Amino acid sequence: EVVEEEEEISVPFAVIEEVPVFPGCEGVSREEQRTCFQQKIQEHIARNFQYPETATELGIQGKVYVLFYIGTDGQVAGIETRGPDKMLEAEARRIIASLPQMKPGRQRNKNVRVPFSIPINFKLL
């Protein structure tokens, strides 16, 4: 018996009909959902950010680009990072992996996978 697995469709954040809903963004209009989502991600990063001690000592800084998706179950998955140093990439991955479960994005009344990318800037003061 062959069970055909349904292809997971990815719909970009910029064009999806219903963006994933970050906890705390439930009561706002569809237009505000995008802004609320992006704001909550930024707040999450700021709240959970820990500069790696060794990176501080070595004066390592720079921007880490993080690409991930919010799956059809609302969980963050597929985290990829690109940055100037493995320590910074690991911290960026840790922050994004700790994002809460969300209400999944929807397109034509179906849950879809939504890719999202964000730069995290590691800057020493």
C-alpha atoms as a PDB file:
ATOM      1  CA  GLU A   1       0.000   0.000   0.000  1.00  0.00           C
ATOM      2  CA  VAL A   2       1.440   3.324  -1.058  1.00  0.00           C
ATOM      3  CA  VAL A   3       0.473   6.309   1.012  1.00  0.00           C
ATOM      4  CA  GLU A   4       0.990   9.489  -0.929  1.00  0.00           C
ATOM      5  CA  GLU A   5       2.325  12.163   1.332  1.00  0.00           C
ATOM      6  CA  GLU A   6       0.767  15.543   0.776  1.00  0.00           C
ATOM      7  CA  GLU A   7       3.319  18.034  -0.485  1.00  0.00           C
ATOM      8  CA  GLU A   8       3.884  20.815   2.048  1.00  0.00           C
ATOM      9  CA  ILE A   9       3.334  24.063   0.232  1.00  0.00           C
ATOM     10  CA  SER A  10       5.434  27.063   1.228  1.00  0.00           C
ATOM     11  CA  VAL A  11       3.895  30.504   0.873  1.00  0.00           C
ATOM     12  CA  PRO A  12       6.141  33.559   1.425  1.00  0.00           C
ATOM     13  CA  PHE A  13       5.316  35.770   4.411  1.00  0.00           C
ATOM     14  CA  ALA A  14       4.945  38.826   2.142  1.00  0.00           C
ATOM     15  CA  VAL A  15       2.093  37.336   0.099  1.00  0.00           C
ATOM     16  CA  ILE A  16       0.349  34.802   2.354  1.00  0.00           C
ATOM     17  CA  GLU A  17      -3.362  35.396   2.955  1.00  0.00           C
ATOM     18  CA  GLU A  18      -3.184  34.718   6.697  1.00  0.00           C
ATOM     19  CA  VAL A  19       0.234  35.152   8.310  1.00  0.00           C
ATOM     20  CA  PRO A  20       1.225  32.890  11.212  1.00  0.00           C
ATOM     21  CA  VAL A  21      -0.184  34.301  14.447  1.00  0.00           C
ATOM     22  CA  PHE A  22       2.356  34.930  17.187  1.00  0.00           C
ATOM     23  CA  PRO A  23       0.971  34.441  20.727  1.00  0.00           C
ATOM     24  CA  GLY A  24      -0.362  37.825  21.801  1.00  0.00           C
ATOM     25  CA  CYS A  25      -1.312  38.924  18.275  1.00  0.00           C
ATOM     26  CA  GLU A  26      -4.669  37.117  18.185  1.00  0.00           C
ATOM     27  CA  GLY A  27      -6.954  40.086  18.655  1.00  0.00           C
ATOM     28  CA  VAL A  28      -5.730  42.345  15.857  1.00  0.00           C
ATOM     29  CA  SER A  29      -6.878  42.833  12.254  1.00  0.00           C
ATOM     30  CA  ARG A  30      -5.278  40.922   9.369  1.00  0.00           C
ATOM     31  CA  GLU A  31      -3.381  44.050   8.303  1.00  0.00           C
ATOM     32  CA  GLU A  32      -1.941  44.427  11.796  1.00  0.00           C
ATOM     33  CA  GLN A  33      -1.046  40.724  12.052  1.00  0.00           C
ATOM     34  CA  ARG A  34       2.128  41.135   9.947  1.00  0.00           C
ATOM     35  CA  THR A  35       3.362  44.098  11.984  1.00  0.00           C
ATOM     36  CA  CYS A  36       2.480  42.394  15.267  1.00  0.00           C
ATOM     37  CA  PHE A  37       4.281  39.191  14.185  1.00  0.00           C
ATOM     38  CA  GLN A  38       7.451  41.063  13.237  1.00  0.00           C
ATOM     39  CA  GLN A  39       7.322  43.144  16.409  1.00  0.00           C
ATOM     40  CA  LYS A  40       6.912  40.034  18.611  1.00  0.00           C
ATOM     41  CA  ILE A  41       9.845  38.307  16.870  1.00  0.00           C
ATOM     42  CA  GLN A  42      12.030  41.372  17.539  1.00  0.00           C
ATOM     43  CA  GLU A  43      10.915  41.463  21.179  1.00  0.00           C
ATOM     44  CA  HIS A  44      11.643  37.736  21.540  1.00  0.00           C
ATOM     45  CA  ILE A  45      15.158  38.215  20.126  1.00  0.00           C
ATOM     46  CA  ALA A  46      15.850  41.190  22.410  1.00  0.00           C
ATOM     47  CA  ARG A  47      14.532  39.336  25.481  1.00  0.00           C
ATOM     48  CA  ASN A  48      16.448  36.097  24.809  1.00  0.00           C
ATOM     49  CA  PHE A  49      19.658  37.543  23.383  1.00  0.00           C
ATOM     50  CA  GLN A  50      22.866  36.512  25.156  1.00  0.00           C
ATOM     51  CA  TYR A  51      26.156  37.558  23.640  1.00  0.00           C
ATOM     52  CA  PRO A  52      28.429  34.487  23.652  1.00  0.00           C
ATOM     53  CA  GLU A  53      31.134  35.140  26.266  1.00  0.00           C
ATOM     54  CA  THR A  54      33.991  33.826  24.114  1.00  0.00           C
ATOM     55  CA  ALA A  55      32.812  35.937  21.175  1.00  0.00           C
ATOM     56  CA  THR A  56      32.888  38.989  23.459  1.00  0.00           C
ATOM     57  CA  GLU A  57      36.428  38.178  24.613  1.00  0.00           C
ATOM     58  CA  LEU A  58      37.581  37.698  21.020  1.00  0.00           C
ATOM     59  CA  GLY A  59      35.789  40.821  19.804  1.00  0.00           C
ATOM     60  CA  ILE A  60      33.696  38.869  17.314  1.00  0.00           C
ATOM     61  CA  GLN A  61      30.685  40.743  15.990  1.00  0.00           C
ATOM     62  CA  GLY A  62      28.541  40.981  12.890  1.00  0.00           C
ATOM     63  CA  LYS A  63      25.198  40.149  11.375  1.00  0.00           C
ATOM     64  CA  VAL A  64      23.791  36.630  11.361  1.00  0.00           C
ATOM     65  CA  TYR A  65      21.090  35.950   8.776  1.00  0.00           C
ATOM     66  CA  VAL A  66      18.572  33.418  10.015  1.00  0.00           C
ATOM     67  CA  LEU A  67      16.205  31.583   7.708  1.00  0.00           C
ATOM     68  CA  PHE A  68      13.489  29.360   9.149  1.00  0.00           C
ATOM     69  CA  TYR A  69       9.930  28.389   8.544  1.00  0.00           C
ATOM     70  CA  ILE A  70       6.794  28.098  10.579  1.00  0.00           C
ATOM     71  CA  GLY A  71       5.375  24.686   9.792  1.00  0.00           C
ATOM     72  CA  THR A  72       1.782  23.648   9.202  1.00  0.00           C
ATOM     73  CA  ASP A  73       1.671  22.771  12.933  1.00  0.00           C
ATOM     74  CA  GLY A  74       2.817  26.266  13.957  1.00  0.00           C
ATOM     75  CA  GLN A  75       6.244  25.055  15.117  1.00  0.00           C
ATOM     76  CA  VAL A  76       9.490  26.736  14.068  1.00  0.00           C
ATOM     77  CA  ALA A  77      11.651  24.380  11.973  1.00  0.00           C
ATOM     78  CA  GLY A  78      14.330  24.243   9.286  1.00  0.00           C
ATOM     79  CA  ILE A  79      16.554  26.844  10.942  1.00  0.00           C
ATOM     80  CA  GLU A  80      19.535  27.866   8.811  1.00  0.00           C
ATOM     81  CA  THR A  81      22.075  30.501   9.781  1.00  0.00           C
ATOM     82  CA  ARG A  82      24.773  32.397   7.918  1.00  0.00           C
ATOM     83  CA  GLY A  83      27.100  34.708   9.762  1.00  0.00           C
ATOM     84  CA  PRO A  84      30.676  35.756  10.489  1.00  0.00           C
ATOM     85  CA  ASP A  85      31.265  33.149  13.206  1.00  0.00           C
ATOM     86  CA  LYS A  86      29.945  29.780  14.385  1.00  0.00           C
ATOM     87  CA  MET A  87      29.436  31.049  17.960  1.00  0.00           C
ATOM     88  CA  LEU A  88      27.183  33.866  16.763  1.00  0.00           C
ATOM     89  CA  GLU A  89      25.330  31.485  14.443  1.00  0.00           C
ATOM     90  CA  ALA A  90      24.750  29.059  17.325  1.00  0.00           C
ATOM     91  CA  GLU A  91      23.320  31.834  19.529  1.00  0.00           C
ATOM     92  CA  ALA A  92      21.051  33.054  16.704  1.00  0.00           C
ATOM     93  CA  ARG A  93      19.843  29.473  16.171  1.00  0.00           C
ATOM     94  CA  ARG A  94      19.175  29.063  19.921  1.00  0.00           C
ATOM     95  CA  ILE A  95      17.096  32.271  20.042  1.00  0.00           C
ATOM     96  CA  ILE A  96      14.963  31.328  17.021  1.00  0.00           C
ATOM     97  CA  ALA A  97      14.554  27.704  18.175  1.00  0.00           C
ATOM     98  CA  SER A  98      13.055  29.018  21.432  1.00  0.00           C
ATOM     99  CA  LEU A  99      10.235  30.869  19.626  1.00  0.00           C
ATOM    100  CA  PRO A 100       6.808  29.781  20.910  1.00  0.00           C
ATOM    101  CA  GLN A 101       4.399  27.667  18.891  1.00  0.00           C
ATOM    102  CA  MET A 102       2.209  29.854  16.704  1.00  0.00           C
ATOM    103  CA  LYS A 103      -1.060  29.534  14.890  1.00  0.00           C
ATOM    104  CA  PRO A 104       0.109  28.392  11.425  1.00  0.00           C
ATOM    105  CA  GLY A 105      -0.135  30.552   8.331  1.00  0.00           C
ATOM    106  CA  ARG A 106      -3.036  29.804   6.009  1.00  0.00           C
ATOM    107  CA  GLN A 107      -3.551  30.034   2.293  1.00  0.00           C
ATOM    108  CA  ARG A 108      -6.912  29.177   0.670  1.00  0.00           C
ATOM    109  CA  ASN A 109      -8.159  27.808   4.022  1.00  0.00           C
ATOM    110  CA  LYS A 110      -5.269  25.351   4.369  1.00  0.00           C
ATOM    111  CA  ASN A 111      -2.381  25.439   6.826  1.00  0.00           C
ATOM    112  CA  VAL A 112       0.836  26.090   4.900  1.00  0.00           C
ATOM    113  CA  ARG A 113       4.514  26.357   5.673  1.00  0.00           C
ATOM    114  CA  VAL A 114       5.736  29.956   5.865  1.00  0.00           C
ATOM    115  CA  PRO A 115       9.433  30.747   5.351  1.00  0.00           C
ATOM    116  CA  PHE A 116      10.781  33.741   7.236  1.00  0.00           C
ATOM    117  CA  SER A 117      14.187  35.341   7.390  1.00  0.00           C
ATOM    118  CA  ILE A 118      15.599  37.847   9.826  1.00  0.00           C
ATOM    119  CA  PRO A 119      19.019  39.335  10.459  1.00  0.00           C
ATOM    120  CA  ILE A 120      20.285  39.346  14.045  1.00  0.00           C
ATOM    121  CA  ASN A 121      22.959  41.940  14.647  1.00  0.00           C
ATOM    122  CA  PHE A 122      25.694  41.082  17.143  1.00  0.00           C
ATOM    123  CA  LYS A 123      27.388  44.329  18.060  1.00  0.00           C
ATOM    124  CA  LEU A 124      29.879  44.910  20.844  1.00  0.00           C
ATOM    125  CA  LEU A 125      29.576  48.193  22.688  1.00  0.00           C
END
